[in-house]
Amino acid sequence: MKTIYETTGTCAKEIHIDIEDGIIQSIEFVRGCPGGGKGVSALAVGRKPEEVIGVIKGIICGDKGTSCPDQLANALSEHLAKA
């Protein structure tokens, strides 16, 4: 299932996620820090959303109160709620 999540409070504006059979297949951050997005994506692909959420939920970037990883956790949580 492909999902597009609109972020809030981060440099990335969207996160494109593909989850099949309960496993993250791909993640793409639109805009933001290319290296950070690719790094987070590489660590998350091949894992279950629940596992990734447990690791990255609540990470903040500077004084933003959120971060790209935290927004990914939100997107994954939203995906699980809909599934």
PDB file of N, CA and C in Angstrom:
ATOM      1  N   MET A   1       0.845  -1.171   0.000  1.00  0.00           N
ATOM      2  CA  MET A   1       0.000   0.000   0.000  1.00  0.00           C
ATOM      3  C   MET A   1       0.893   1.238   0.000  1.00  0.00           C
ATOM      4  N   LYS A   2       0.664   2.094  -0.942  1.00  0.00           N
ATOM      5  CA  LYS A   2       1.435   3.326  -1.036  1.00  0.00           C
ATOM      6  C   LYS A   2       0.698   4.452  -0.319  1.00  0.00           C
ATOM      7  N   THR A   3       1.467   5.233   0.441  1.00  0.00           N
ATOM      8  CA  THR A   3       0.919   6.323   1.231  1.00  0.00           C
ATOM      9  C   THR A   3       1.735   7.582   0.982  1.00  0.00           C
ATOM     10  N   ILE A   4       1.068   8.719   0.889  1.00  0.00           N
ATOM     11  CA  ILE A   4       1.746  10.017   0.857  1.00  0.00           C
ATOM     12  C   ILE A   4       1.318  10.762   2.110  1.00  0.00           C
ATOM     13  N   TYR A   5       2.296  11.122   2.935  1.00  0.00           N
ATOM     14  CA  TYR A   5       2.031  11.803   4.204  1.00  0.00           C
ATOM     15  C   TYR A   5       2.579  13.220   4.121  1.00  0.00           C
ATOM     16  N   GLU A   6       1.740  14.206   4.388  1.00  0.00           N
ATOM     17  CA  GLU A   6       2.174  15.605   4.412  1.00  0.00           C
ATOM     18  C   GLU A   6       2.692  15.932   5.804  1.00  0.00           C
ATOM     19  N   THR A   7       3.951  16.309   5.875  1.00  0.00           N
ATOM     20  CA  THR A   7       4.592  16.581   7.157  1.00  0.00           C
ATOM     21  C   THR A   7       4.229  17.962   7.678  1.00  0.00           C
ATOM     22  N   THR A   8       4.468  18.172   8.969  1.00  0.00           N
ATOM     23  CA  THR A   8       4.323  19.493   9.577  1.00  0.00           C
ATOM     24  C   THR A   8       5.548  19.760  10.436  1.00  0.00           C
ATOM     25  N   GLY A   9       6.078  20.966  10.347  1.00  0.00           N
ATOM     26  CA  GLY A   9       7.177  21.384  11.193  1.00  0.00           C
ATOM     27  C   GLY A   9       8.546  20.912  10.786  1.00  0.00           C
ATOM     28  N   THR A  10       8.692  20.379   9.571  1.00  0.00           N
ATOM     29  CA  THR A  10      10.002  19.914   9.113  1.00  0.00           C
ATOM     30  C   THR A  10      10.336  20.493   7.749  1.00  0.00           C
ATOM     31  N   CYS A  11      11.595  20.371   7.373  1.00  0.00           N
ATOM     32  CA  CYS A  11      12.028  20.837   6.051  1.00  0.00           C
ATOM     33  C   CYS A  11      11.442  19.962   4.945  1.00  0.00           C
ATOM     34  N   ALA A  12      11.343  18.657   5.200  1.00  0.00           N
ATOM     35  CA  ALA A  12      10.690  17.765   4.236  1.00  0.00           C
ATOM     36  C   ALA A  12       9.207  18.116   4.210  1.00  0.00           C
ATOM     37  N   LYS A  13       8.617  18.102   3.044  1.00  0.00           N
ATOM     38  CA  LYS A  13       7.207  18.474   2.891  1.00  0.00           C
ATOM     39  C   LYS A  13       6.284  17.268   2.789  1.00  0.00           C
ATOM     40  N   GLU A  14       6.803  16.148   2.316  1.00  0.00           N
ATOM     41  CA  GLU A  14       6.022  14.924   2.186  1.00  0.00           C
ATOM     42  C   GLU A  14       6.925  13.729   2.445  1.00  0.00           C
ATOM     43  N   ILE A  15       6.277  12.623   2.824  1.00  0.00           N
ATOM     44  CA  ILE A  15       6.969  11.343   2.916  1.00  0.00           C
ATOM     45  C   ILE A  15       6.150  10.351   2.104  1.00  0.00           C
ATOM     46  N   HIS A  16       6.791   9.703   1.134  1.00  0.00           N
ATOM     47  CA  HIS A  16       6.134   8.684   0.319  1.00  0.00           C
ATOM     48  C   HIS A  16       6.568   7.329   0.869  1.00  0.00           C
ATOM     49  N   ILE A  17       5.603   6.505   1.228  1.00  0.00           N
ATOM     50  CA  ILE A  17       5.881   5.230   1.876  1.00  0.00           C
ATOM     51  C   ILE A  17       5.170   4.115   1.124  1.00  0.00           C
ATOM     52  N   ASP A  18       5.861   2.990   0.954  1.00  0.00           N
ATOM     53  CA  ASP A  18       5.248   1.798   0.371  1.00  0.00           C
ATOM     54  C   ASP A  18       5.426   0.662   1.370  1.00  0.00           C
ATOM     55  N   ILE A  19       4.293   0.097   1.815  1.00  0.00           N
ATOM     56  CA  ILE A  19       4.296  -1.016   2.757  1.00  0.00           C
ATOM     57  C   ILE A  19       3.526  -2.166   2.131  1.00  0.00           C
ATOM     58  N   GLU A  20       4.146  -3.317   2.059  1.00  0.00           N
ATOM     59  CA  GLU A  20       3.506  -4.515   1.510  1.00  0.00           C
ATOM     60  C   GLU A  20       3.665  -5.659   2.504  1.00  0.00           C
ATOM     61  N   ASP A  21       2.582  -6.364   2.754  1.00  0.00           N
ATOM     62  CA  ASP A  21       2.586  -7.508   3.675  1.00  0.00           C
ATOM     63  C   ASP A  21       3.193  -7.164   5.029  1.00  0.00           C
ATOM     64  N   GLY A  22       2.920  -5.944   5.508  1.00  0.00           N
ATOM     65  CA  GLY A  22       3.383  -5.532   6.823  1.00  0.00           C
ATOM     66  C   GLY A  22       4.841  -5.161   6.927  1.00  0.00           C
ATOM     67  N   ILE A  23       5.528  -5.035   5.788  1.00  0.00           N
ATOM     68  CA  ILE A  23       6.956  -4.692   5.759  1.00  0.00           C
ATOM     69  C   ILE A  23       7.157  -3.440   4.914  1.00  0.00           C
ATOM     70  N   ILE A  24       7.954  -2.510   5.420  1.00  0.00           N
ATOM     71  CA  ILE A  24       8.256  -1.279   4.680  1.00  0.00           C
ATOM     72  C   ILE A  24       9.130  -1.632   3.481  1.00  0.00           C
ATOM     73  N   GLN A  25       8.650  -1.276   2.299  1.00  0.00           N
ATOM     74  CA  GLN A  25       9.377  -1.555   1.058  1.00  0.00           C
ATOM     75  C   GLN A  25      10.218  -0.367   0.597  1.00  0.00           C
ATOM     76  N   SER A  26       9.686   0.853   0.777  1.00  0.00           N
ATOM     77  CA  SER A  26      10.430   2.044   0.369  1.00  0.00           C
ATOM     78  C   SER A  26       9.894   3.260   1.114  1.00  0.00           C
ATOM     79  N   ILE A  27      10.792   4.229   1.279  1.00  0.00           N
ATOM     80  CA  ILE A  27      10.448   5.515   1.883  1.00  0.00           C
ATOM     81  C   ILE A  27      11.202   6.582   1.118  1.00  0.00           C
ATOM     82  N   GLU A  28      10.497   7.661   0.772  1.00  0.00           N
ATOM     83  CA  GLU A  28      11.144   8.795   0.106  1.00  0.00           C
ATOM     84  C   GLU A  28      10.676  10.081   0.786  1.00  0.00           C
ATOM     85  N   PHE A  29      11.642  10.872   1.255  1.00  0.00           N
ATOM     86  CA  PHE A  29      11.348  12.185   1.809  1.00  0.00           C
ATOM     87  C   PHE A  29      11.426  13.194   0.679  1.00  0.00           C
ATOM     88  N   VAL A  30      10.400  14.022   0.517  1.00  0.00           N
ATOM     89  CA  VAL A  30      10.365  15.046  -0.521  1.00  0.00           C
ATOM     90  C   VAL A  30      10.831  16.352   0.100  1.00  0.00           C
ATOM     91  N   ARG A  31      11.914  16.881  -0.424  1.00  0.00           N
ATOM     92  CA  ARG A  31      12.623  18.061   0.078  1.00  0.00           C
ATOM     93  C   ARG A  31      13.337  17.700   1.370  1.00  0.00           C
ATOM     94  N   GLY A  32      13.784  18.670   2.106  1.00  0.00           N
ATOM     95  CA  GLY A  32      14.516  18.403   3.334  1.00  0.00           C
ATOM     96  C   GLY A  32      15.958  18.010   3.064  1.00  0.00           C
ATOM     97  N   CYS A  33      16.590  17.453   4.055  1.00  0.00           N
ATOM     98  CA  CYS A  33      17.995  17.042   3.973  1.00  0.00           C
ATOM     99  C   CYS A  33      18.096  15.703   3.249  1.00  0.00           C
ATOM    100  N   PRO A  34      18.682  15.681   2.058  1.00  0.00           N
ATOM    101  CA  PRO A  34      18.734  14.428   1.304  1.00  0.00           C
ATOM    102  C   PRO A  34      19.452  13.305   2.041  1.00  0.00           C
ATOM    103  N   GLY A  35      20.566  13.612   2.680  1.00  0.00           N
ATOM    104  CA  GLY A  35      21.316  12.575   3.385  1.00  0.00           C
ATOM    105  C   GLY A  35      20.553  12.013   4.565  1.00  0.00           C
ATOM    106  N   GLY A  36      19.921  12.880   5.336  1.00  0.00           N
ATOM    107  CA  GLY A  36      19.145  12.431   6.487  1.00  0.00           C
ATOM    108  C   GLY A  36      17.981  11.554   6.063  1.00  0.00           C
ATOM    109  N   GLY A  37      17.272  11.987   5.039  1.00  0.00           N
ATOM    110  CA  GLY A  37      16.139  11.208   4.542  1.00  0.00           C
ATOM    111  C   GLY A  37      16.560   9.852   4.022  1.00  0.00           C
ATOM    112  N   LYS A  38      17.651   9.822   3.267  1.00  0.00           N
ATOM    113  CA  LYS A  38      18.141   8.546   2.740  1.00  0.00           C
ATOM    114  C   LYS A  38      18.615   7.635   3.860  1.00  0.00           C
ATOM    115  N   GLY A  39      19.246   8.220   4.873  1.00  0.00           N
ATOM    116  CA  GLY A  39      19.728   7.420   5.998  1.00  0.00           C
ATOM    117  C   GLY A  39      18.590   6.792   6.781  1.00  0.00           C
ATOM    118  N   VAL A  40      17.593   7.597   7.111  1.00  0.00           N
ATOM    119  CA  VAL A  40      16.430   7.080   7.850  1.00  0.00           C
ATOM    120  C   VAL A  40      15.722   6.020   7.006  1.00  0.00           C
ATOM    121  N   SER A  41      15.580   6.286   5.732  1.00  0.00           N
ATOM    122  CA  SER A  41      14.926   5.331   4.841  1.00  0.00           C
ATOM    123  C   SER A  41      15.672   4.008   4.797  1.00  0.00           C
ATOM    124  N   ALA A  42      16.985   4.059   4.668  1.00  0.00           N
ATOM    125  CA  ALA A  42      17.787   2.837   4.596  1.00  0.00           C
ATOM    126  C   ALA A  42      17.657   2.005   5.871  1.00  0.00           C
ATOM    127  N   LEU A  43      17.546   2.661   7.011  1.00  0.00           N
ATOM    128  CA  LEU A  43      17.418   1.945   8.276  1.00  0.00           C
ATOM    129  C   LEU A  43      16.020   1.352   8.470  1.00  0.00           C
ATOM    130  N   ALA A  44      15.004   1.945   7.842  1.00  0.00           N
ATOM    131  CA  ALA A  44      13.621   1.509   8.042  1.00  0.00           C
ATOM    132  C   ALA A  44      13.165   0.446   7.045  1.00  0.00           C
ATOM    133  N   VAL A  45      13.676   0.473   5.833  1.00  0.00           N
ATOM    134  CA  VAL A  45      13.232  -0.466   4.799  1.00  0.00           C
ATOM    135  C   VAL A  45      13.559  -1.902   5.240  1.00  0.00           C
ATOM    136  N   GLY A  46      12.585  -2.770   5.044  1.00  0.00           N
ATOM    137  CA  GLY A  46      12.742  -4.173   5.408  1.00  0.00           C
ATOM    138  C   GLY A  46      12.248  -4.488   6.814  1.00  0.00           C
ATOM    139  N   ARG A  47      11.778  -3.468   7.528  1.00  0.00           N
ATOM    140  CA  ARG A  47      11.300  -3.658   8.902  1.00  0.00           C
ATOM    141  C   ARG A  47       9.788  -3.458   8.976  1.00  0.00           C
ATOM    142  N   LYS A  48       9.229  -3.894  10.094  1.00  0.00           N
ATOM    143  CA  LYS A  48       7.806  -3.667  10.351  1.00  0.00           C
ATOM    144  C   LYS A  48       7.622  -2.236  10.838  1.00  0.00           C
ATOM    145  N   PRO A  49       6.530  -1.585  10.459  1.00  0.00           N
ATOM    146  CA  PRO A  49       6.284  -0.213  10.905  1.00  0.00           C
ATOM    147  C   PRO A  49       6.341  -0.062  12.426  1.00  0.00           C
ATOM    148  N   GLU A  50       5.794  -1.021  13.173  1.00  0.00           N
ATOM    149  CA  GLU A  50       5.780  -0.943  14.632  1.00  0.00           C
ATOM    150  C   GLU A  50       7.193  -0.858  15.210  1.00  0.00           C
ATOM    151  N   GLU A  51       8.098  -1.608  14.623  1.00  0.00           N
ATOM    152  CA  GLU A  51       9.488  -1.608  15.075  1.00  0.00           C
ATOM    153  C   GLU A  51      10.137  -0.243  14.844  1.00  0.00           C
ATOM    154  N   VAL A  52       9.907   0.318  13.678  1.00  0.00           N
ATOM    155  CA  VAL A  52      10.493   1.612  13.332  1.00  0.00           C
ATOM    156  C   VAL A  52       9.903   2.715  14.211  1.00  0.00           C
ATOM    157  N   ILE A  53       8.597   2.685  14.417  1.00  0.00           N
ATOM    158  CA  ILE A  53       7.945   3.692  15.263  1.00  0.00           C
ATOM    159  C   ILE A  53       8.580   3.688  16.646  1.00  0.00           C
ATOM    160  N   GLY A  54       8.806   2.511  17.212  1.00  0.00           N
ATOM    161  CA  GLY A  54       9.380   2.399  18.540  1.00  0.00           C
ATOM    162  C   GLY A  54      10.765   3.010  18.672  1.00  0.00           C
ATOM    163  N   VAL A  55      11.485   3.080  17.581  1.00  0.00           N
ATOM    164  CA  VAL A  55      12.850   3.611  17.601  1.00  0.00           C
ATOM    165  C   VAL A  55      12.888   5.114  17.354  1.00  0.00           C
ATOM    166  N   ILE A  56      12.038   5.633  16.468  1.00  0.00           N
ATOM    167  CA  ILE A  56      12.197   7.029  16.026  1.00  0.00           C
ATOM    168  C   ILE A  56      11.160   8.005  16.562  1.00  0.00           C
ATOM    169  N   LYS A  57      10.070   7.502  17.156  1.00  0.00           N
ATOM    170  CA  LYS A  57       9.023   8.390  17.674  1.00  0.00           C
ATOM    171  C   LYS A  57       9.599   9.304  18.753  1.00  0.00           C
ATOM    172  N   GLY A  58       9.334  10.603  18.627  1.00  0.00           N
ATOM    173  CA  GLY A  58       9.756  11.568  19.637  1.00  0.00           C
ATOM    174  C   GLY A  58      11.109  12.214  19.407  1.00  0.00           C
ATOM    175  N   ILE A  59      11.826  11.823  18.355  1.00  0.00           N
ATOM    176  CA  ILE A  59      13.098  12.483  18.037  1.00  0.00           C
ATOM    177  C   ILE A  59      12.783  13.899  17.572  1.00  0.00           C
ATOM    178  N   ILE A  60      13.507  14.884  18.103  1.00  0.00           N
ATOM    179  CA  ILE A  60      13.269  16.263  17.677  1.00  0.00           C
ATOM    180  C   ILE A  60      14.497  16.836  16.987  1.00  0.00           C
ATOM    181  N   CYS A  61      14.272  17.852  16.180  1.00  0.00           N
ATOM    182  CA  CYS A  61      15.321  18.541  15.430  1.00  0.00           C
ATOM    183  C   CYS A  61      15.346  19.992  15.890  1.00  0.00           C
ATOM    184  N   GLY A  62      16.399  20.376  16.583  1.00  0.00           N
ATOM    185  CA  GLY A  62      16.511  21.751  17.051  1.00  0.00           C
ATOM    186  C   GLY A  62      15.340  22.117  17.944  1.00  0.00           C
ATOM    187  N   ASP A  63      14.754  23.273  17.688  1.00  0.00           N
ATOM    188  CA  ASP A  63      13.630  23.742  18.501  1.00  0.00           C
ATOM    189  C   ASP A  63      12.280  23.527  17.806  1.00  0.00           C
ATOM    190  N   LYS A  64      12.236  22.639  16.817  1.00  0.00           N
ATOM    191  CA  LYS A  64      11.018  22.424  16.028  1.00  0.00           C
ATOM    192  C   LYS A  64       9.962  21.601  16.763  1.00  0.00           C
ATOM    193  N   GLY A  65      10.356  20.837  17.769  1.00  0.00           N
ATOM    194  CA  GLY A  65       9.405  19.987  18.467  1.00  0.00           C
ATOM    195  C   GLY A  65       9.069  18.708  17.720  1.00  0.00           C
ATOM    196  N   THR A  66       9.664  18.517  16.569  1.00  0.00           N
ATOM    197  CA  THR A  66       9.488  17.307  15.758  1.00  0.00           C
ATOM    198  C   THR A  66      10.730  17.152  14.893  1.00  0.00           C
ATOM    199  N   SER A  67      10.729  16.180  14.016  1.00  0.00           N
ATOM    200  CA  SER A  67      11.843  15.951  13.092  1.00  0.00           C
ATOM    201  C   SER A  67      11.330  15.098  11.949  1.00  0.00           C
ATOM    202  N   CYS A  68      12.146  14.900  10.945  1.00  0.00           N
ATOM    203  CA  CYS A  68      11.743  14.015   9.852  1.00  0.00           C
ATOM    204  C   CYS A  68      11.515  12.587  10.359  1.00  0.00           C
ATOM    205  N   PRO A  69      12.402  12.037  11.220  1.00  0.00           N
ATOM    206  CA  PRO A  69      12.110  10.709  11.751  1.00  0.00           C
ATOM    207  C   PRO A  69      10.807  10.676  12.556  1.00  0.00           C
ATOM    208  N   ASP A  70      10.555  11.697  13.368  1.00  0.00           N
ATOM    209  CA  ASP A  70       9.323  11.756  14.150  1.00  0.00           C
ATOM    210  C   ASP A  70       8.105  11.831  13.231  1.00  0.00           C
ATOM    211  N   GLN A  71       8.205  12.596  12.160  1.00  0.00           N
ATOM    212  CA  GLN A  71       7.104  12.682  11.202  1.00  0.00           C
ATOM    213  C   GLN A  71       6.897  11.346  10.492  1.00  0.00           C
ATOM    214  N   LEU A  72       7.988  10.613  10.231  1.00  0.00           N
ATOM    215  CA  LEU A  72       7.856   9.275   9.659  1.00  0.00           C
ATOM    216  C   LEU A  72       7.108   8.372  10.633  1.00  0.00           C
ATOM    217  N   ALA A  73       7.441   8.450  11.917  1.00  0.00           N
ATOM    218  CA  ALA A  73       6.720   7.659  12.924  1.00  0.00           C
ATOM    219  C   ALA A  73       5.233   7.999  12.909  1.00  0.00           C
ATOM    220  N   ASN A  74       4.908   9.272  12.783  1.00  0.00           N
ATOM    221  CA  ASN A  74       3.497   9.684  12.697  1.00  0.00           C
ATOM    222  C   ASN A  74       2.827   9.095  11.458  1.00  0.00           C
ATOM    223  N   ALA A  75       3.540   9.143  10.339  1.00  0.00           N
ATOM    224  CA  ALA A  75       2.992   8.604   9.092  1.00  0.00           C
ATOM    225  C   ALA A  75       2.756   7.107   9.207  1.00  0.00           C
ATOM    226  N   LEU A  76       3.693   6.395   9.805  1.00  0.00           N
ATOM    227  CA  LEU A  76       3.555   4.953   9.970  1.00  0.00           C
ATOM    228  C   LEU A  76       2.411   4.622  10.932  1.00  0.00           C
ATOM    229  N   SER A  77       2.275   5.395  11.988  1.00  0.00           N
ATOM    230  CA  SER A  77       1.184   5.201  12.939  1.00  0.00           C
ATOM    231  C   SER A  77      -0.162   5.412  12.258  1.00  0.00           C
ATOM    232  N   GLU A  78      -0.238   6.445  11.429  1.00  0.00           N
ATOM    233  CA  GLU A  78      -1.467   6.718  10.678  1.00  0.00           C
ATOM    234  C   GLU A  78      -1.783   5.569   9.733  1.00  0.00           C
ATOM    235  N   HIS A  79      -0.758   5.052   9.075  1.00  0.00           N
ATOM    236  CA  HIS A  79      -0.943   3.918   8.164  1.00  0.00           C
ATOM    237  C   HIS A  79      -1.509   2.712   8.927  1.00  0.00           C
ATOM    238  N   LEU A  80      -0.940   2.416  10.096  1.00  0.00           N
ATOM    239  CA  LEU A  80      -1.402   1.266  10.877  1.00  0.00           C
ATOM    240  C   LEU A  80      -2.846   1.447  11.337  1.00  0.00           C
ATOM    241  N   ALA A  81      -3.209   2.680  11.680  1.00  0.00           N
ATOM    242  CA  ALA A  81      -4.573   2.954  12.129  1.00  0.00           C
ATOM    243  C   ALA A  81      -5.585   2.724  11.001  1.00  0.00           C
ATOM    244  N   LYS A  82      -5.176   2.985   9.773  1.00  0.00           N
ATOM    245  CA  LYS A  82      -6.065   2.811   8.615  1.00  0.00           C
ATOM    246  C   LYS A  82      -6.131   1.352   8.149  1.00  0.00           C
ATOM    247  N   ALA A  83      -5.079   0.600   8.440  1.00  0.00           N
ATOM    248  CA  ALA A  83      -4.986  -0.790   7.919  1.00  0.00           C
ATOM    249  C   ALA A  83      -5.901  -1.749   8.648  1.00  0.00           C
TER     250      ALA A  83
END
